[in-house]
Protein backbone atom coordinates (compact mmCIF):
# COMPACT_ATOMS: atom_id res chain seq x y z
CA UNK A 1 0.00 0.00 0.00
CA UNK A 2 1.54 3.28 -1.08
CA UNK A 3 -1.02 5.82 0.11
CA UNK A 4 -2.37 5.89 3.70
CA UNK A 5 -6.02 6.10 4.71
CA UNK A 6 -8.39 7.69 3.90
CA UNK A 7 -7.31 6.42 0.49
CA UNK A 8 -9.24 3.14 0.05
CA UNK A 9 -6.34 1.34 -1.67
CA UNK A 10 -5.44 -0.77 1.39
CA UNK A 11 -9.00 -1.90 1.99
CA UNK A 12 -9.55 -2.82 -1.63
CA UNK A 13 -6.24 -4.71 -1.69
CA UNK A 14 -7.27 -6.67 1.43
CA UNK A 15 -10.58 -7.60 -0.19
CA UNK A 16 -8.80 -8.73 -3.37
CA UNK A 17 -6.34 -10.85 -1.34
CA UNK A 18 -9.13 -12.46 0.71
CA UNK A 19 -11.02 -13.20 -2.48
CA UNK A 20 -8.08 -15.30 -3.70
CA UNK A 21 -8.57 -17.76 -0.82
CA UNK A 22 -12.35 -17.58 -0.61
CA UNK A 23 -14.82 -19.89 -2.33
CA UNK A 24 -16.59 -16.80 -3.64
CA UNK A 25 -15.30 -13.42 -4.72
CA UNK A 26 -15.78 -10.69 -2.16
CA UNK A 27 -17.44 -7.47 -3.23
CA UNK A 28 -16.72 -4.27 -1.28
CA UNK A 29 -20.38 -3.43 -0.66
CA UNK A 30 -20.79 -6.87 0.96
CA UNK A 31 -17.98 -6.21 3.42
CA UNK A 32 -17.76 -4.48 6.79
CA UNK A 33 -14.90 -2.38 8.09
CA UNK A 34 -14.55 -1.53 11.78
CA UNK A 35 -12.38 1.34 12.87
CA UNK A 36 -11.93 4.00 15.52
CA UNK A 37 -10.65 6.89 13.43
CA UNK A 38 -12.34 9.31 11.06
CA UNK A 39 -9.86 8.23 8.38
CA UNK A 40 -11.08 4.63 8.78
CA UNK A 41 -14.66 5.73 8.08
CA UNK A 42 -13.64 7.86 5.10
CA UNK A 43 -11.60 5.00 3.60
CA UNK A 44 -14.51 2.57 4.00
CA UNK A 45 -16.91 5.08 2.45
CA UNK A 46 -14.55 5.64 -0.49
CA UNK A 47 -14.28 1.86 -1.01
CA UNK A 48 -18.08 1.37 -0.80
CA UNK A 49 -17.68 -0.74 2.36
CA UNK A 50 -20.13 -0.68 5.28
CA UNK A 51 -18.37 1.33 8.00
CA UNK A 52 -18.75 0.69 11.73
CA UNK A 53 -17.10 3.12 14.09
CA UNK A 54 -15.91 2.17 17.56
CA UNK A 55 -15.24 4.76 20.23
CA UNK A 56 -11.67 4.20 21.36
CA UNK A 57 -10.89 4.07 25.10
CA UNK A 58 -8.97 7.35 24.89
CA UNK A 59 -12.05 9.02 23.34
CA UNK A 60 -14.54 7.87 25.99
CA UNK A 61 -14.41 11.07 28.07
CA UNK A 62 -15.69 12.96 25.01
CA UNK A 63 -17.81 10.10 23.68
CA UNK A 64 -20.58 12.24 22.16
CA UNK A 65 -18.06 14.25 20.15
CA UNK A 66 -16.17 11.10 19.10
CA UNK A 67 -19.41 9.51 17.89
CA UNK A 68 -20.33 12.68 15.99
CA UNK A 69 -16.96 12.71 14.20
CA UNK A 70 -17.29 9.03 13.24
CA UNK A 71 -20.84 9.51 11.93
CA UNK A 72 -19.88 12.65 10.01
CA UNK A 73 -16.97 10.75 8.46
CA UNK A 74 -19.19 7.99 7.07
CA UNK A 75 -19.94 5.51 9.85
CA UNK A 76 -23.31 3.82 9.49
CA UNK A 77 -23.15 2.61 13.07
CA UNK A 78 -21.04 3.68 16.07
CA UNK A 79 -20.40 1.37 19.01
CA UNK A 80 -19.10 2.15 22.48
CA UNK A 81 -18.06 -0.78 24.61
CA UNK A 82 -15.90 -0.55 27.73
C-alpha atoms as a PDB file:
ATOM      1  CA  UNK A   1       0.000   0.000   0.000  1.00  0.00           C
ATOM      2  CA  UNK A   2       1.538   3.276  -1.081  1.00  0.00           C
ATOM      3  CA  UNK A   3      -1.019   5.822   0.108  1.00  0.00           C
ATOM      4  CA  UNK A   4      -2.365   5.885   3.695  1.00  0.00           C
ATOM      5  CA  UNK A   5      -6.020   6.098   4.709  1.00  0.00           C
ATOM      6  CA  UNK A   6      -8.393   7.689   3.896  1.00  0.00           C
ATOM      7  CA  UNK A   7      -7.314   6.419   0.495  1.00  0.00           C
ATOM      8  CA  UNK A   8      -9.236   3.135   0.055  1.00  0.00           C
ATOM      9  CA  UNK A   9      -6.340   1.335  -1.668  1.00  0.00           C
ATOM     10  CA  UNK A  10      -5.436  -0.773   1.393  1.00  0.00           C
ATOM     11  CA  UNK A  11      -9.004  -1.901   1.995  1.00  0.00           C
ATOM     12  CA  UNK A  12      -9.545  -2.819  -1.634  1.00  0.00           C
ATOM     13  CA  UNK A  13      -6.241  -4.712  -1.687  1.00  0.00           C
ATOM     14  CA  UNK A  14      -7.273  -6.668   1.430  1.00  0.00           C
ATOM     15  CA  UNK A  15     -10.583  -7.603  -0.194  1.00  0.00           C
ATOM     16  CA  UNK A  16      -8.797  -8.730  -3.367  1.00  0.00           C
ATOM     17  CA  UNK A  17      -6.345 -10.849  -1.342  1.00  0.00           C
ATOM     18  CA  UNK A  18      -9.128 -12.459   0.713  1.00  0.00           C
ATOM     19  CA  UNK A  19     -11.025 -13.203  -2.484  1.00  0.00           C
ATOM     20  CA  UNK A  20      -8.083 -15.301  -3.699  1.00  0.00           C
ATOM     21  CA  UNK A  21      -8.568 -17.755  -0.825  1.00  0.00           C
ATOM     22  CA  UNK A  22     -12.350 -17.584  -0.607  1.00  0.00           C
ATOM     23  CA  UNK A  23     -14.819 -19.894  -2.329  1.00  0.00           C
ATOM     24  CA  UNK A  24     -16.595 -16.803  -3.645  1.00  0.00           C
ATOM     25  CA  UNK A  25     -15.296 -13.424  -4.718  1.00  0.00           C
ATOM     26  CA  UNK A  26     -15.785 -10.694  -2.159  1.00  0.00           C
ATOM     27  CA  UNK A  27     -17.438  -7.466  -3.232  1.00  0.00           C
ATOM     28  CA  UNK A  28     -16.722  -4.271  -1.277  1.00  0.00           C
ATOM     29  CA  UNK A  29     -20.379  -3.427  -0.655  1.00  0.00           C
ATOM     30  CA  UNK A  30     -20.789  -6.872   0.957  1.00  0.00           C
ATOM     31  CA  UNK A  31     -17.977  -6.212   3.423  1.00  0.00           C
ATOM     32  CA  UNK A  32     -17.763  -4.478   6.790  1.00  0.00           C
ATOM     33  CA  UNK A  33     -14.899  -2.379   8.091  1.00  0.00           C
ATOM     34  CA  UNK A  34     -14.554  -1.535  11.777  1.00  0.00           C
ATOM     35  CA  UNK A  35     -12.379   1.342  12.866  1.00  0.00           C
ATOM     36  CA  UNK A  36     -11.928   3.999  15.525  1.00  0.00           C
ATOM     37  CA  UNK A  37     -10.647   6.890  13.427  1.00  0.00           C
ATOM     38  CA  UNK A  38     -12.336   9.306  11.061  1.00  0.00           C
ATOM     39  CA  UNK A  39      -9.861   8.225   8.375  1.00  0.00           C
ATOM     40  CA  UNK A  40     -11.080   4.631   8.778  1.00  0.00           C
ATOM     41  CA  UNK A  41     -14.661   5.730   8.081  1.00  0.00           C
ATOM     42  CA  UNK A  42     -13.635   7.858   5.096  1.00  0.00           C
ATOM     43  CA  UNK A  43     -11.600   5.000   3.601  1.00  0.00           C
ATOM     44  CA  UNK A  44     -14.514   2.568   3.995  1.00  0.00           C
ATOM     45  CA  UNK A  45     -16.907   5.078   2.453  1.00  0.00           C
ATOM     46  CA  UNK A  46     -14.548   5.644  -0.488  1.00  0.00           C
ATOM     47  CA  UNK A  47     -14.278   1.865  -1.005  1.00  0.00           C
ATOM     48  CA  UNK A  48     -18.083   1.374  -0.801  1.00  0.00           C
ATOM     49  CA  UNK A  49     -17.678  -0.735   2.360  1.00  0.00           C
ATOM     50  CA  UNK A  50     -20.133  -0.681   5.283  1.00  0.00           C
ATOM     51  CA  UNK A  51     -18.372   1.328   8.000  1.00  0.00           C
ATOM     52  CA  UNK A  52     -18.750   0.692  11.725  1.00  0.00           C
ATOM     53  CA  UNK A  53     -17.102   3.117  14.094  1.00  0.00           C
ATOM     54  CA  UNK A  54     -15.909   2.170  17.556  1.00  0.00           C
ATOM     55  CA  UNK A  55     -15.242   4.755  20.234  1.00  0.00           C
ATOM     56  CA  UNK A  56     -11.668   4.196  21.355  1.00  0.00           C
ATOM     57  CA  UNK A  57     -10.894   4.073  25.100  1.00  0.00           C
ATOM     58  CA  UNK A  58      -8.975   7.347  24.893  1.00  0.00           C
ATOM     59  CA  UNK A  59     -12.051   9.023  23.339  1.00  0.00           C
ATOM     60  CA  UNK A  60     -14.542   7.867  25.990  1.00  0.00           C
ATOM     61  CA  UNK A  61     -14.411  11.070  28.070  1.00  0.00           C
ATOM     62  CA  UNK A  62     -15.692  12.956  25.005  1.00  0.00           C
ATOM     63  CA  UNK A  63     -17.809  10.103  23.681  1.00  0.00           C
ATOM     64  CA  UNK A  64     -20.581  12.239  22.159  1.00  0.00           C
ATOM     65  CA  UNK A  65     -18.059  14.253  20.151  1.00  0.00           C
ATOM     66  CA  UNK A  66     -16.171  11.105  19.097  1.00  0.00           C
ATOM     67  CA  UNK A  67     -19.415   9.508  17.890  1.00  0.00           C
ATOM     68  CA  UNK A  68     -20.329  12.678  15.990  1.00  0.00           C
ATOM     69  CA  UNK A  69     -16.957  12.713  14.204  1.00  0.00           C
ATOM     70  CA  UNK A  70     -17.285   9.035  13.238  1.00  0.00           C
ATOM     71  CA  UNK A  71     -20.843   9.515  11.931  1.00  0.00           C
ATOM     72  CA  UNK A  72     -19.884  12.654  10.007  1.00  0.00           C
ATOM     73  CA  UNK A  73     -16.966  10.752   8.456  1.00  0.00           C
ATOM     74  CA  UNK A  74     -19.194   7.995   7.067  1.00  0.00           C
ATOM     75  CA  UNK A  75     -19.935   5.508   9.848  1.00  0.00           C
ATOM     76  CA  UNK A  76     -23.306   3.824   9.491  1.00  0.00           C
ATOM     77  CA  UNK A  77     -23.147   2.608  13.071  1.00  0.00           C
ATOM     78  CA  UNK A  78     -21.037   3.681  16.070  1.00  0.00           C
ATOM     79  CA  UNK A  79     -20.399   1.367  19.012  1.00  0.00           C
ATOM     80  CA  UNK A  80     -19.101   2.148  22.481  1.00  0.00           C
ATOM     81  CA  UNK A  81     -18.060  -0.784  24.606  1.00  0.00           C
ATOM     82  CA  UNK A  82     -15.898  -0.551  27.725  1.00  0.00           C
END
